[in-house]
Protein backbone atom coordinates (compact mmCIF):
# COMPACT_ATOMS: atom_id res chain seq x y z
CA UNK A 1 6.78 -12.05 -15.00
CA UNK A 2 6.26 -10.66 -11.59
CA UNK A 3 5.06 -7.30 -11.13
CA UNK A 4 5.92 -5.70 -7.40
CA UNK A 5 4.25 -3.05 -5.55
CA UNK A 6 6.85 -0.38 -7.22
CA UNK A 7 6.66 -2.15 -10.95
CA UNK A 8 2.84 -2.56 -11.36
CA UNK A 9 1.40 -2.81 -14.99
CA UNK A 10 -2.12 -3.51 -15.18
CA UNK A 11 -1.67 -4.91 -18.49
CA UNK A 12 0.19 -7.53 -17.28
CA UNK A 13 -1.26 -8.32 -13.62
CA UNK A 14 -3.40 -6.37 -11.23
CA UNK A 15 -0.88 -7.63 -8.97
CA UNK A 16 0.11 -5.38 -6.31
CA UNK A 17 -2.98 -2.82 -7.26
CA UNK A 18 -5.46 -2.42 -4.72
CA UNK A 19 -8.02 -1.78 -7.25
CA UNK A 20 -11.02 -3.04 -5.01
CA UNK A 21 -9.44 -1.01 -1.67
CA UNK A 22 -9.37 2.03 -3.99
CA UNK A 23 -12.78 1.65 -5.32
CA UNK A 24 -14.26 1.14 -1.84
CA UNK A 25 -13.11 4.32 -0.49
CA UNK A 26 -14.42 6.35 -4.06
CA UNK A 27 -17.82 4.66 -2.70
CA UNK A 28 -17.27 6.00 0.76
CA UNK A 29 -16.64 9.80 -0.60
CA UNK A 30 -19.72 9.12 -2.77
CA UNK A 31 -21.89 8.56 0.40
CA UNK A 32 -19.90 10.94 1.89
CA UNK A 33 -21.09 13.69 -0.62
CA UNK A 34 -24.88 12.61 -1.04
CA UNK A 35 -25.00 12.70 2.25
CA UNK A 36 -24.31 16.67 2.42
CA UNK A 37 -27.68 18.24 3.04
CA UNK A 38 -26.62 21.76 3.19
CA UNK A 39 -25.45 22.27 -0.30
CA UNK A 40 -27.07 18.93 -2.30
CA UNK A 41 -25.32 18.53 -5.76
CA UNK A 42 -27.35 18.31 -8.84
CA UNK A 43 -26.31 14.55 -9.13
CA UNK A 44 -27.15 13.95 -5.39
CA UNK A 45 -30.55 11.96 -6.22
CA UNK A 46 -28.65 9.87 -8.96
CA UNK A 47 -26.35 8.75 -6.55
CA UNK A 48 -28.56 8.24 -4.02
CA UNK A 49 -30.51 5.79 -6.25
CA UNK A 50 -27.26 4.11 -7.55
CA UNK A 51 -25.89 3.44 -3.90
CA UNK A 52 -29.09 2.08 -3.48
CA UNK A 53 -28.53 -0.21 -6.36
CA UNK A 54 -25.42 -1.69 -6.25
CA UNK A 55 -25.78 -1.95 -1.86
CA UNK A 56 -29.19 -4.13 -3.29
CA UNK A 57 -27.50 -6.58 -5.85
CA UNK A 58 -24.48 -6.40 -4.74
CA UNK A 59 -22.86 -5.03 -7.40
CA UNK A 60 -18.80 -4.82 -7.70
CA UNK A 61 -17.73 -1.20 -6.80
CA UNK A 62 -14.92 -1.22 -8.68
CA UNK A 63 -16.98 -1.69 -12.27
CA UNK A 64 -19.33 0.57 -10.66
CA UNK A 65 -16.51 3.26 -10.31
CA UNK A 66 -15.29 2.74 -13.29
CA UNK A 67 -18.76 2.93 -15.63
CA UNK A 68 -19.75 6.09 -13.62
CA UNK A 69 -16.61 7.80 -13.83
CA UNK A 70 -17.80 11.08 -15.40
CA UNK A 71 -20.33 11.27 -12.95
CA UNK A 72 -18.25 11.06 -10.12
CA UNK A 73 -16.01 13.02 -10.96
CA UNK A 74 -18.14 16.23 -11.49
CA UNK A 75 -19.26 14.83 -8.22
CA UNK A 76 -16.20 15.30 -6.64
CA UNK A 77 -15.42 18.34 -8.80
CA UNK A 78 -18.61 20.37 -6.97
CA UNK A 79 -17.87 19.83 -3.73
CA UNK A 80 -14.36 20.11 -4.20
CA UNK A 81 -12.94 17.07 -3.58
CA UNK A 82 -9.19 16.72 -4.45
CA UNK A 83 -8.40 13.95 -2.55
CA UNK A 84 -10.65 11.64 -4.21
CA UNK A 85 -10.58 13.37 -7.59
CA UNK A 86 -7.00 12.19 -7.55
CA UNK A 87 -7.52 8.63 -6.25
CA UNK A 88 -10.95 8.54 -9.42
CA UNK A 89 -7.59 9.33 -11.56
CA UNK A 90 -5.27 6.45 -10.58
CA UNK A 91 -8.17 3.81 -10.76
CA UNK A 92 -8.65 5.17 -14.09
CA UNK A 93 -5.11 4.56 -14.24
CA UNK A 94 -4.05 1.56 -12.89
CA UNK A 95 -7.64 -0.17 -12.59
CA UNK A 96 -9.79 0.53 -15.74
């Protein structure tokens, strides 16, 4: 069976699903959030360490997002980043 962008099913194939791009975008938003110094999140230092770790060991961003999804969700909720929460839901539905 061949999946197209209009007909994607992660249980058959990840073809047509931009999981790596979604994860890259999530990591960008995490970096934006932790750069917020006016109103730091309680998750600030946690994600500062985690982002250094994934960069230093070259960890796959999709694996990172999938393993940290609940913490990422709390970070995005703190900053009211509905766009990023929607993308996080998309990653959970399509890629994890």
